[in-house]
N, C-alpha and C. Protein backbone atom coordinates (compact mmCIF):
# COMPACT_ATOMS: atom_id res chain seq x y z
N MET A 1 54.74 40.23 -0.16
CA MET A 1 55.02 39.33 -0.82
C MET A 1 54.27 37.91 0.30
N THR A 2 54.78 38.04 1.62
CA THR A 2 53.82 37.00 2.21
C THR A 2 52.20 37.60 2.45
N VAL A 3 51.82 38.52 1.84
CA VAL A 3 50.04 38.64 1.69
C VAL A 3 49.77 37.85 0.94
N ARG A 4 50.64 37.62 -0.45
CA ARG A 4 50.09 37.34 -1.73
C ARG A 4 50.68 36.09 -1.25
N TYR A 5 51.36 35.48 -1.07
CA TYR A 5 51.81 33.91 -0.38
C TYR A 5 50.66 33.32 0.53
N LEU A 6 49.84 34.62 1.18
CA LEU A 6 48.35 33.57 2.48
C LEU A 6 47.48 34.11 1.52
N ALA A 7 47.49 34.78 0.60
CA ALA A 7 46.05 34.50 -0.22
C ALA A 7 45.98 33.75 -1.36
N LEU A 8 47.58 33.59 -1.96
CA LEU A 8 47.56 32.11 -2.21
C LEU A 8 47.25 30.78 -1.43
N ALA A 9 47.98 30.99 -0.75
CA ALA A 9 47.50 29.74 0.08
C ALA A 9 45.90 29.63 0.48
N ALA A 10 45.11 30.44 0.89
CA ALA A 10 43.99 30.48 0.96
C ALA A 10 43.14 30.03 0.00
N VAL A 11 43.40 30.28 -1.16
CA VAL A 11 42.27 30.04 -2.23
C VAL A 11 42.86 27.88 -2.44
N SER A 12 43.71 27.88 -2.04
CA SER A 12 44.35 26.76 -2.45
C SER A 12 43.54 25.89 -1.28
N LEU A 13 43.42 26.23 0.00
CA LEU A 13 43.07 25.80 0.72
C LEU A 13 41.48 25.42 0.42
N LEU A 14 40.87 26.52 -0.03
CA LEU A 14 39.48 26.48 0.04
C LEU A 14 39.54 25.82 -1.52
N ALA A 15 39.55 25.54 -2.23
CA ALA A 15 40.00 24.59 -3.40
C ALA A 15 39.80 22.96 -2.99
N VAL A 16 40.40 22.79 -1.73
CA VAL A 16 40.79 21.39 -1.46
C VAL A 16 39.63 21.23 -0.96
N ALA A 17 39.39 21.98 0.32
CA ALA A 17 37.80 21.81 1.08
C ALA A 17 36.85 21.86 0.25
N ALA A 18 36.98 22.29 -0.44
CA ALA A 18 35.37 22.59 -1.49
C ALA A 18 35.51 21.06 -2.16
N THR A 19 36.73 20.51 -2.78
CA THR A 19 36.64 19.10 -3.38
C THR A 19 36.45 17.53 -2.49
N SER A 20 36.72 17.91 -1.42
CA SER A 20 36.99 17.46 -0.19
C SER A 20 34.97 17.02 0.14
N VAL A 21 33.96 17.85 -0.06
CA VAL A 21 32.95 18.38 0.97
C VAL A 21 32.23 16.63 0.09
N PRO A 22 31.74 15.73 0.68
CA PRO A 22 30.60 14.89 -0.39
C PRO A 22 29.62 15.85 -1.08
N PRO A 23 29.39 14.95 -2.59
CA PRO A 23 28.25 15.79 -3.08
C PRO A 23 26.70 15.43 -1.96
N VAL A 24 26.30 16.32 -2.21
CA VAL A 24 25.03 16.16 -1.63
C VAL A 24 24.45 14.68 -2.32
N GLN A 25 23.65 13.81 -1.68
CA GLN A 25 22.50 12.65 -2.37
C GLN A 25 21.44 13.27 -2.26
N ALA A 26 20.78 12.27 -3.62
CA ALA A 26 19.25 12.35 -3.39
C ALA A 26 18.48 11.66 -2.47
N ALA A 27 17.71 12.15 -2.06
CA ALA A 27 16.49 11.41 -0.82
C ALA A 27 16.71 10.02 -1.87
N SER A 28 16.38 9.04 -0.91
CA SER A 28 16.48 7.02 -1.72
C SER A 28 14.81 7.06 -1.15
N THR A 29 14.63 6.40 -1.83
CA THR A 29 13.76 5.45 -1.93
C THR A 29 13.24 5.17 -1.26
N PRO A 30 12.18 5.12 -0.39
CA PRO A 30 11.51 5.10 0.79
C PRO A 30 11.32 2.71 0.63
N ASN A 31 11.53 2.63 1.41
CA ASN A 31 11.73 1.19 2.27
C ASN A 31 11.10 0.61 3.23
N LEU A 32 10.99 -0.97 3.23
CA LEU A 32 10.75 -1.25 4.23
C LEU A 32 11.53 -2.55 4.14
N CYS A 33 12.21 -2.83 3.30
CA CYS A 33 12.87 -3.92 3.20
C CYS A 33 14.12 -4.43 4.30
N ALA A 34 14.45 -5.20 4.64
CA ALA A 34 15.02 -5.59 6.01
C ALA A 34 16.89 -5.40 5.49
N PRO A 35 17.63 -5.12 6.89
CA PRO A 35 19.23 -5.22 6.06
C PRO A 35 19.88 -7.00 5.35
N GLY A 36 19.62 -7.19 4.26
CA GLY A 36 20.04 -8.66 3.74
C GLY A 36 18.59 -8.88 2.63
N GLU A 37 17.60 -8.20 3.27
CA GLU A 37 17.01 -8.04 1.74
C GLU A 37 16.42 -7.03 0.30
N GLN A 38 16.33 -7.48 -0.73
CA GLN A 38 16.42 -6.62 -1.26
C GLN A 38 14.72 -6.34 -2.05
N PRO A 39 14.48 -5.06 -2.29
CA PRO A 39 13.55 -4.75 -2.67
C PRO A 39 12.82 -5.27 -4.28
N VAL A 40 11.89 -6.04 -4.38
CA VAL A 40 11.33 -6.28 -5.82
C VAL A 40 10.59 -5.27 -6.40
N LEU A 41 10.26 -4.44 -5.49
CA LEU A 41 9.31 -3.33 -6.11
C LEU A 41 8.95 -2.69 -4.56
N SER A 42 9.70 -1.39 -4.32
CA SER A 42 9.24 -0.56 -2.83
C SER A 42 9.20 1.26 -3.54
N CYS A 43 8.05 1.72 -2.83
CA CYS A 43 8.12 3.03 -3.22
C CYS A 43 7.32 3.80 -1.69
N GLY A 44 7.29 4.89 -2.33
CA GLY A 44 6.20 5.71 -1.44
C GLY A 44 4.75 5.98 -2.04
N VAL A 45 3.83 6.01 -1.26
CA VAL A 45 2.45 5.90 -1.66
C VAL A 45 1.91 6.69 -0.76
N GLY A 46 1.82 8.19 -0.98
CA GLY A 46 1.33 9.06 -0.11
C GLY A 46 2.36 9.36 1.01
N GLY A 47 1.86 9.12 2.18
CA GLY A 47 2.76 9.30 3.61
C GLY A 47 3.20 8.09 3.85
N LYS A 48 2.93 7.14 3.04
CA LYS A 48 3.01 5.19 3.76
C LYS A 48 4.16 5.02 2.55
N VAL A 49 4.26 3.48 2.72
CA VAL A 49 5.56 2.90 2.11
C VAL A 49 5.37 1.57 1.70
N LEU A 50 5.02 1.02 0.25
CA LEU A 50 4.99 -0.30 -0.09
C LEU A 50 5.68 -1.07 -0.38
N SER A 51 6.23 -2.10 0.03
CA SER A 51 7.73 -2.84 -0.16
C SER A 51 7.16 -4.21 -0.26
N LEU A 52 8.11 -5.34 -1.17
CA LEU A 52 7.86 -6.08 -1.46
C LEU A 52 9.19 -6.73 -1.54
N CYS A 53 9.36 -7.61 -0.26
CA CYS A 53 10.66 -7.38 -0.65
C CYS A 53 11.17 -9.06 -0.34
N ALA A 54 12.28 -9.54 -0.68
CA ALA A 54 12.79 -11.23 -0.72
C ALA A 54 14.78 -10.86 -0.67
N SER A 55 14.49 -11.99 0.04
CA SER A 55 16.20 -13.07 0.99
C SER A 55 16.91 -13.65 -0.02
N GLY A 56 17.72 -14.05 -0.64
CA GLY A 56 18.38 -15.12 -0.59
C GLY A 56 18.90 -14.88 -2.31
N SER A 57 18.95 -16.65 -2.66
CA SER A 57 19.57 -16.38 -3.67
C SER A 57 18.54 -16.03 -4.94
N LEU A 58 18.52 -14.65 -5.74
CA LEU A 58 17.33 -14.60 -6.60
C LEU A 58 17.84 -15.25 -8.14
N THR A 59 17.77 -16.19 -8.17
CA THR A 59 18.02 -17.03 -9.69
C THR A 59 17.31 -17.96 -9.30
N ALA A 60 17.23 -18.91 -11.45
CA ALA A 60 16.40 -19.94 -10.94
C ALA A 60 17.23 -21.15 -10.02
N GLU A 61 18.61 -21.32 -10.10
CA GLU A 61 19.44 -21.97 -9.62
C GLU A 61 19.23 -22.14 -8.04
N GLY A 62 19.49 -21.20 -7.51
CA GLY A 62 18.99 -20.82 -6.17
C GLY A 62 17.04 -19.96 -5.11
N ALA A 63 16.54 -20.73 -6.76
CA ALA A 63 15.30 -20.37 -5.92
C ALA A 63 14.74 -20.54 -4.41
N GLY A 64 15.39 -22.13 -4.36
CA GLY A 64 14.58 -22.31 -3.43
C GLY A 64 15.28 -22.20 -1.85
N SER A 65 15.88 -21.00 -2.09
CA SER A 65 16.89 -20.32 -1.03
C SER A 65 15.69 -18.67 -0.69
N VAL A 66 14.88 -18.66 -1.95
CA VAL A 66 14.33 -17.43 -1.25
C VAL A 66 13.34 -17.08 -0.06
N LYS A 67 13.09 -16.30 0.06
CA LYS A 67 12.19 -15.81 1.49
C LYS A 67 11.35 -14.88 0.55
N MET A 68 10.36 -14.14 0.73
CA MET A 68 9.24 -13.10 0.24
C MET A 68 8.47 -12.50 1.60
N GLN A 69 8.23 -11.48 1.31
CA GLN A 69 7.44 -11.11 1.94
C GLN A 69 7.04 -9.31 1.60
N TYR A 70 5.59 -8.81 1.69
CA TYR A 70 4.70 -7.80 1.68
C TYR A 70 4.75 -6.90 2.48
N ARG A 71 5.10 -6.00 2.73
CA ARG A 71 4.73 -4.79 3.69
C ARG A 71 4.25 -3.05 3.50
N PHE A 72 3.46 -3.19 4.45
CA PHE A 72 2.83 -1.65 3.69
C PHE A 72 2.55 -0.85 5.37
N GLY A 73 2.76 0.21 5.33
CA GLY A 73 3.23 1.47 6.16
C GLY A 73 4.09 2.32 6.23
N ARG A 74 4.62 2.62 7.65
CA ARG A 74 5.74 3.28 7.59
C ARG A 74 6.60 2.78 8.18
N LYS A 75 7.88 3.39 8.28
CA LYS A 75 9.20 2.75 8.75
C LYS A 75 8.44 2.59 10.40
N GLY A 76 8.91 1.67 11.02
CA GLY A 76 8.75 1.68 12.68
C GLY A 76 7.72 1.46 12.32
N ALA A 77 6.84 1.42 12.00
CA ALA A 77 4.78 1.09 12.05
C ALA A 77 3.95 0.68 10.79
N VAL A 78 4.40 -0.54 10.49
CA VAL A 78 4.15 -1.71 9.55
C VAL A 78 2.80 -2.17 9.75
N GLU A 79 1.99 -1.47 8.96
CA GLU A 79 0.56 -1.73 8.98
C GLU A 79 0.21 -3.28 8.92
N MET A 80 0.93 -3.82 7.84
CA MET A 80 0.50 -5.01 7.05
C MET A 80 1.79 -5.64 6.51
N ALA A 81 1.99 -6.77 6.84
CA ALA A 81 2.82 -7.88 6.38
C ALA A 81 2.66 -8.94 6.20
N TRP A 82 2.63 -9.67 5.08
CA TRP A 82 1.93 -10.70 4.74
C TRP A 82 3.40 -11.84 4.11
N PRO A 83 3.38 -12.69 4.18
CA PRO A 83 3.31 -13.52 5.46
C PRO A 83 3.58 -12.76 6.48
N VAL A 84 3.22 -13.54 7.67
CA VAL A 84 3.63 -13.23 8.71
C VAL A 84 4.92 -12.68 9.04
N ARG A 85 5.86 -14.01 8.41
CA ARG A 85 7.08 -13.70 8.55
C ARG A 85 7.79 -14.13 7.33
N PRO A 86 8.64 -13.17 6.67
CA PRO A 86 9.18 -13.93 5.46
C PRO A 86 9.16 -15.62 4.70
N GLU A 87 8.23 -16.03 4.25
CA GLU A 87 8.56 -16.84 3.34
C GLU A 87 8.81 -17.04 2.37
N HIS A 88 9.53 -19.18 2.05
CA HIS A 88 9.37 -19.45 0.33
C HIS A 88 7.89 -18.94 -0.47
N PRO A 89 8.17 -18.48 -2.01
CA PRO A 89 6.71 -18.20 -2.64
C PRO A 89 6.06 -19.17 -3.06
N ARG A 90 6.86 -20.07 -2.85
CA ARG A 90 5.81 -21.09 -4.05
C ARG A 90 4.57 -21.21 -3.25
N GLY A 91 3.56 -21.31 -4.27
CA GLY A 91 1.77 -21.70 -3.54
C GLY A 91 1.71 -20.04 -2.88
N LEU A 92 2.25 -18.82 -2.50
CA LEU A 92 1.81 -17.90 -1.92
C LEU A 92 1.89 -16.85 -3.24
N PHE A 93 3.17 -16.80 -3.93
CA PHE A 93 2.96 -15.41 -4.67
C PHE A 93 3.25 -16.00 -6.20
N PHE A 94 2.52 -15.25 -7.11
CA PHE A 94 2.10 -15.64 -8.65
C PHE A 94 3.32 -14.33 -9.51
N LEU A 95 3.51 -15.02 -10.29
CA LEU A 95 3.73 -13.87 -11.14
C LEU A 95 2.62 -13.80 -12.67
N SER A 96 2.72 -12.80 -13.18
CA SER A 96 1.42 -12.57 -14.26
C SER A 96 2.25 -11.78 -15.09
N THR A 97 2.17 -11.65 -16.31
CA THR A 97 2.39 -11.05 -17.55
C THR A 97 1.27 -10.47 -18.46
N THR A 98 1.08 -9.09 -18.77
CA THR A 98 0.32 -9.21 -20.07
C THR A 98 1.03 -8.27 -20.82
N MET A 99 1.79 -8.21 -22.18
CA MET A 99 2.05 -7.38 -23.52
C MET A 99 1.26 -6.44 -24.04
N PHE A 100 1.56 -5.09 -24.14
CA PHE A 100 0.67 -4.55 -24.68
C PHE A 100 1.30 -3.95 -26.24
N SER A 101 1.20 -2.90 -26.72
CA SER A 101 1.32 -2.48 -27.81
C SER A 101 2.21 -1.04 -26.95
N GLY A 102 3.80 -1.20 -27.05
CA GLY A 102 4.39 -0.41 -26.84
C GLY A 102 4.73 -0.04 -25.36
N GLY A 103 4.77 -1.18 -24.42
CA GLY A 103 4.84 -1.41 -22.96
C GLY A 103 4.02 -2.72 -22.99
N GLY A 104 3.78 -2.91 -21.51
CA GLY A 104 3.63 -4.20 -20.81
C GLY A 104 2.93 -3.81 -19.45
N GLU A 105 2.95 -4.86 -18.65
CA GLU A 105 3.01 -4.80 -17.49
C GLU A 105 2.56 -6.36 -16.91
N GLU A 106 3.41 -6.13 -15.66
CA GLU A 106 3.64 -7.42 -14.45
C GLU A 106 3.20 -6.88 -13.25
N ARG A 107 3.18 -8.14 -12.92
CA ARG A 107 1.93 -8.54 -12.08
C ARG A 107 2.98 -9.69 -11.11
N ILE A 108 2.32 -9.54 -9.83
CA ILE A 108 3.19 -10.75 -8.89
C ILE A 108 2.00 -10.31 -7.66
N ARG A 109 0.71 -11.79 -7.80
CA ARG A 109 -0.43 -11.42 -6.74
C ARG A 109 0.04 -12.75 -5.84
N PHE A 110 -0.63 -12.18 -4.66
CA PHE A 110 -0.74 -13.00 -2.82
C PHE A 110 -2.24 -12.54 -2.54
N SER A 111 -2.93 -13.14 -2.02
CA SER A 111 -3.94 -13.63 -1.28
C SER A 111 -3.77 -13.73 0.05
N ASN A 112 -4.58 -12.84 0.66
CA ASN A 112 -4.98 -12.71 2.31
C ASN A 112 -6.37 -12.31 2.39
N GLY A 113 -7.23 -13.08 3.31
CA GLY A 113 -8.00 -12.77 4.00
C GLY A 113 -9.53 -12.02 3.20
N GLY A 114 -9.39 -13.32 1.88
CA GLY A 114 -10.46 -12.98 0.40
C GLY A 114 -10.14 -12.24 0.18
N TYR A 115 -9.23 -11.38 -0.40
CA TYR A 115 -8.52 -10.27 -0.65
C TYR A 115 -7.38 -10.65 -1.49
N ASP A 116 -7.39 -10.70 -2.84
CA ASP A 116 -6.17 -10.32 -3.54
C ASP A 116 -5.30 -9.25 -3.01
N TYR A 117 -3.98 -9.22 -3.45
CA TYR A 117 -3.39 -7.88 -3.63
C TYR A 117 -2.53 -8.44 -4.85
N VAL A 118 -2.47 -7.34 -5.86
CA VAL A 118 -1.41 -7.25 -6.55
C VAL A 118 -0.17 -6.39 -7.19
N VAL A 119 0.80 -6.39 -6.79
CA VAL A 119 1.90 -5.55 -7.03
C VAL A 119 2.31 -5.04 -8.93
N PHE A 120 2.06 -4.38 -9.19
CA PHE A 120 2.55 -4.19 -10.47
C PHE A 120 3.28 -3.24 -10.76
N GLN A 121 4.00 -3.69 -12.17
CA GLN A 121 4.74 -1.99 -12.29
C GLN A 121 4.05 -1.96 -13.98
N ARG A 122 3.95 -1.21 -15.04
CA ARG A 122 3.67 -1.50 -16.13
C ARG A 122 3.82 -0.11 -16.90
N THR A 123 3.91 -0.25 -17.83
CA THR A 123 4.47 1.01 -18.73
C THR A 123 3.42 0.78 -20.18
N ILE A 124 3.06 2.01 -20.46
CA ILE A 124 1.78 2.17 -21.40
C ILE A 124 2.31 3.24 -22.17
N ALA A 125 2.54 3.23 -23.62
CA ALA A 125 2.81 3.75 -24.81
C ALA A 125 1.62 5.04 -24.81
N GLY A 126 1.86 6.05 -24.75
CA GLY A 126 1.44 7.37 -24.79
C GLY A 126 0.91 8.14 -26.43
N SER A 127 0.53 8.66 -26.97
CA SER A 127 0.23 9.63 -27.31
C SER A 127 1.38 9.49 -28.61
N ARG A 128 1.83 10.18 -29.74
CA ARG A 128 2.44 11.04 -30.45
C ARG A 128 2.52 11.92 -30.39
N ASP A 129 3.34 12.67 -30.77
CA ASP A 129 3.62 14.52 -30.04
C ASP A 129 3.42 15.20 -32.09
N GLU A 130 3.55 16.19 -31.87
CA GLU A 130 3.66 16.78 -33.28
C GLU A 130 4.88 16.15 -34.09
N ASP A 131 5.75 15.94 -33.39
CA ASP A 131 6.90 15.26 -34.19
C ASP A 131 6.91 13.87 -34.28
N GLY A 132 5.98 13.32 -34.00
CA GLY A 132 5.48 11.34 -34.16
C GLY A 132 6.50 11.27 -33.08
N VAL A 133 6.46 11.50 -31.99
CA VAL A 133 7.72 10.30 -31.12
C VAL A 133 6.57 10.22 -30.09
N ARG A 134 7.04 8.94 -29.99
CA ARG A 134 5.76 8.40 -29.32
C ARG A 134 6.04 8.27 -27.82
N GLY A 135 5.51 9.10 -27.05
CA GLY A 135 6.09 8.69 -25.61
C GLY A 135 5.07 8.24 -24.75
N SER A 136 5.62 7.54 -23.63
CA SER A 136 5.36 6.39 -22.64
C SER A 136 5.15 6.58 -21.41
N TYR A 137 4.12 6.15 -20.09
CA TYR A 137 4.13 6.52 -19.11
C TYR A 137 4.59 5.16 -18.69
N GLN A 138 5.27 5.44 -17.26
CA GLN A 138 5.24 4.26 -16.19
C GLN A 138 4.61 4.47 -14.80
N ASP A 139 4.15 3.43 -14.26
CA ASP A 139 3.31 3.46 -12.82
C ASP A 139 3.54 2.11 -12.67
N GLU A 140 3.62 2.66 -11.39
CA GLU A 140 3.69 1.20 -10.24
C GLU A 140 3.00 1.43 -8.90
N GLY A 141 2.51 0.23 -8.41
CA GLY A 141 1.52 0.47 -7.41
C GLY A 141 1.30 -1.04 -6.89
N VAL A 142 -0.09 -0.86 -6.08
CA VAL A 142 -0.88 -2.53 -5.48
C VAL A 142 -1.94 -1.91 -5.88
N ALA A 143 -2.50 -3.24 -6.32
CA ALA A 143 -3.97 -3.07 -6.53
C ALA A 143 -4.66 -4.24 -5.12
N VAL A 144 -6.01 -3.66 -5.15
CA VAL A 144 -6.37 -4.95 -4.22
C VAL A 144 -8.17 -5.01 -4.53
N LEU A 145 -7.79 -6.28 -5.12
CA LEU A 145 -9.16 -7.18 -5.38
C LEU A 145 -9.64 -8.19 -4.44
N LYS A 146 -11.16 -8.18 -4.72
CA LYS A 146 -11.81 -8.80 -4.08
C LYS A 146 -13.19 -9.61 -5.50
N ALA A 147 -13.17 -10.82 -5.19
CA ALA A 147 -14.00 -11.50 -6.66
C ALA A 147 -13.55 -10.59 -7.78
N GLY A 148 -12.08 -10.87 -8.44
CA GLY A 148 -12.19 -10.39 -9.71
C GLY A 148 -12.22 -8.58 -9.61
N LYS A 149 -12.49 -8.08 -8.60
CA LYS A 149 -12.61 -6.76 -8.89
C LYS A 149 -11.87 -5.53 -8.03
N VAL A 150 -11.50 -4.62 -8.51
CA VAL A 150 -10.73 -3.89 -8.18
C VAL A 150 -11.61 -2.99 -6.82
N VAL A 151 -10.92 -2.73 -5.15
CA VAL A 151 -11.54 -2.42 -4.36
C VAL A 151 -10.90 -1.03 -4.23
N GLY A 152 -9.25 -1.18 -4.25
CA GLY A 152 -8.99 -0.52 -3.93
C GLY A 152 -7.04 -0.27 -4.49
N ARG A 153 -6.35 0.57 -4.49
CA ARG A 153 -5.24 0.98 -5.23
C ARG A 153 -4.30 1.99 -4.65
N HIS A 154 -3.12 1.85 -4.38
CA HIS A 154 -2.14 2.69 -4.22
C HIS A 154 -1.24 2.48 -5.05
N ILE A 155 -1.38 3.91 -5.52
CA ILE A 155 -0.63 4.46 -6.83
C ILE A 155 1.17 5.20 -5.92
N CYS A 156 2.24 4.68 -6.75
CA CYS A 156 3.49 5.03 -6.03
C CYS A 156 3.19 6.65 -6.67
N THR A 157 3.81 7.66 -5.55
CA THR A 157 4.14 8.21 -5.51
C THR A 157 5.15 9.76 -5.16
N THR A 158 6.24 8.01 -5.57
CA THR A 158 7.73 8.17 -5.20
C THR A 158 8.61 7.74 -6.23
N PRO A 159 9.27 7.81 -6.59
CA PRO A 159 10.50 6.51 -7.64
C PRO A 159 10.28 6.06 -7.19
N ALA A 160 10.20 4.16 -8.22
CA ALA A 160 9.99 3.19 -7.60
C ALA A 160 11.30 2.43 -7.50
N VAL A 161 12.04 1.72 -7.03
CA VAL A 161 12.67 0.81 -6.88
C VAL A 161 12.12 -0.94 -7.61
N ASN A 162 12.31 -0.97 -8.33
CA ASN A 162 12.49 -2.54 -9.12
C ASN A 162 12.95 -3.23 -9.81
N ASP A 163 14.29 -3.12 -9.73
CA ASP A 163 14.94 -3.87 -10.12
C ASP A 163 14.78 -5.23 -9.99
N GLY A 164 14.52 -6.11 -8.61
CA GLY A 164 14.06 -6.90 -8.49
C GLY A 164 12.86 -7.75 -9.24
N TYR A 165 12.28 -7.25 -9.96
CA TYR A 165 11.36 -7.39 -11.28
C TYR A 165 11.88 -8.73 -11.75
N PRO A 166 12.79 -8.28 -12.66
CA PRO A 166 13.36 -9.81 -13.80
C PRO A 166 13.57 -10.58 -12.75
N LYS A 167 14.32 -10.50 -11.55
CA LYS A 167 14.73 -11.57 -11.58
C LYS A 167 13.65 -12.39 -10.48
N MET A 168 12.25 -12.05 -10.61
CA MET A 168 10.99 -12.90 -10.50
C MET A 168 10.57 -13.94 -10.99
N TYR A 169 11.32 -13.73 -12.72
CA TYR A 169 10.94 -14.94 -13.28
C TYR A 169 11.53 -15.85 -13.34
N ASP A 170 12.32 -16.34 -12.93
CA ASP A 170 13.25 -17.42 -12.33
C ASP A 170 12.81 -17.79 -11.14
N VAL A 171 12.17 -16.89 -10.01
CA VAL A 171 11.77 -17.46 -8.84
C VAL A 171 10.16 -17.77 -8.32
N LEU A 172 9.58 -17.30 -9.13
CA LEU A 172 8.11 -17.17 -9.25
C LEU A 172 7.10 -18.12 -9.53
N GLU A 173 6.35 -18.64 -9.56
CA GLU A 173 5.27 -19.56 -10.72
C GLU A 173 4.34 -18.37 -11.01
N ARG A 174 4.29 -18.63 -12.22
CA ARG A 174 3.44 -17.96 -13.41
C ARG A 174 1.95 -18.61 -13.18
N GLU A 175 1.04 -17.63 -13.46
CA GLU A 175 -0.14 -18.11 -13.83
C GLU A 175 -0.49 -16.63 -14.91
N ASP A 176 -1.89 -17.29 -15.33
CA ASP A 176 -2.75 -16.61 -15.96
C ASP A 176 -3.15 -15.31 -15.66
N GLY A 177 -3.28 -13.75 -16.29
CA GLY A 177 -3.82 -13.13 -15.68
C GLY A 177 -4.51 -11.84 -16.29
N GLU A 178 -5.23 -11.60 -16.09
CA GLU A 178 -5.42 -10.25 -16.91
C GLU A 178 -5.19 -8.96 -16.34
N ALA A 179 -4.71 -7.65 -17.80
CA ALA A 179 -3.75 -6.90 -17.35
C ALA A 179 -5.40 -5.79 -16.03
N LEU A 180 -4.07 -5.33 -15.46
CA LEU A 180 -5.31 -4.37 -14.18
C LEU A 180 -6.14 -3.26 -14.71
N ASP A 181 -7.80 -3.64 -14.39
CA ASP A 181 -8.33 -2.24 -15.06
C ASP A 181 -8.20 -1.50 -14.46
N ILE A 182 -7.29 -0.70 -14.17
CA ILE A 182 -7.16 0.84 -13.39
C ILE A 182 -6.57 1.87 -14.32
N PRO A 183 -6.27 3.14 -14.37
CA PRO A 183 -6.54 4.30 -14.75
C PRO A 183 -5.06 4.44 -14.24
N CYS A 184 -4.67 4.52 -15.04
CA CYS A 184 -2.99 5.23 -15.82
C CYS A 184 -2.42 6.19 -15.19
N CYS A 185 -1.31 6.42 -14.67
CA CYS A 185 -0.87 7.48 -14.65
C CYS A 185 -1.04 8.94 -14.18
N GLY A 186 -1.79 8.49 -12.85
CA GLY A 186 -2.46 10.11 -12.50
C GLY A 186 -4.03 10.13 -13.02
N GLU A 187 -4.28 9.20 -13.88
CA GLU A 187 -5.89 9.24 -14.18
C GLU A 187 -6.87 9.11 -12.33
N LYS A 188 -7.96 9.15 -12.64
CA LYS A 188 -8.93 9.20 -11.21
C LYS A 188 -9.75 8.18 -12.03
């Protein structure tokens, strides 16, 4: 009876221990935003990270309190931060959109040193499969333009955090803009 009691106690202890171990968390999306900032868009691009960070009340009513900054590089080794310190976005960051059949593209543009940097996210409808279901592709990243021509780009290679994008409609100045002329979805 004692052996049976000890065996039951051991099984019960193992069951309790197994349920008290926290689940393994998936690796989080790379992010260069500081505590108190929200990523508008953040993702890994190869071994580096791009983050467009915002703080303040990201609402129409709180738009006056918002500060933003774009950062690119690695944690502890940011290669580019623009503006130098987070600032109110008026006159610095601009929002534009283009609708596509079955998708669209949202862009936030800023200018620095004669270049335009366009942080974007887009969804593009794909082909229909044999069952008639139409797939879609989504990608995010930053395109660098000089005189309106794309001269560089970094496409996200990790899942992006981009839940700050919808809030930018209440915060940023709108501008007309053309869809980016860059390949989609891993094409070269």
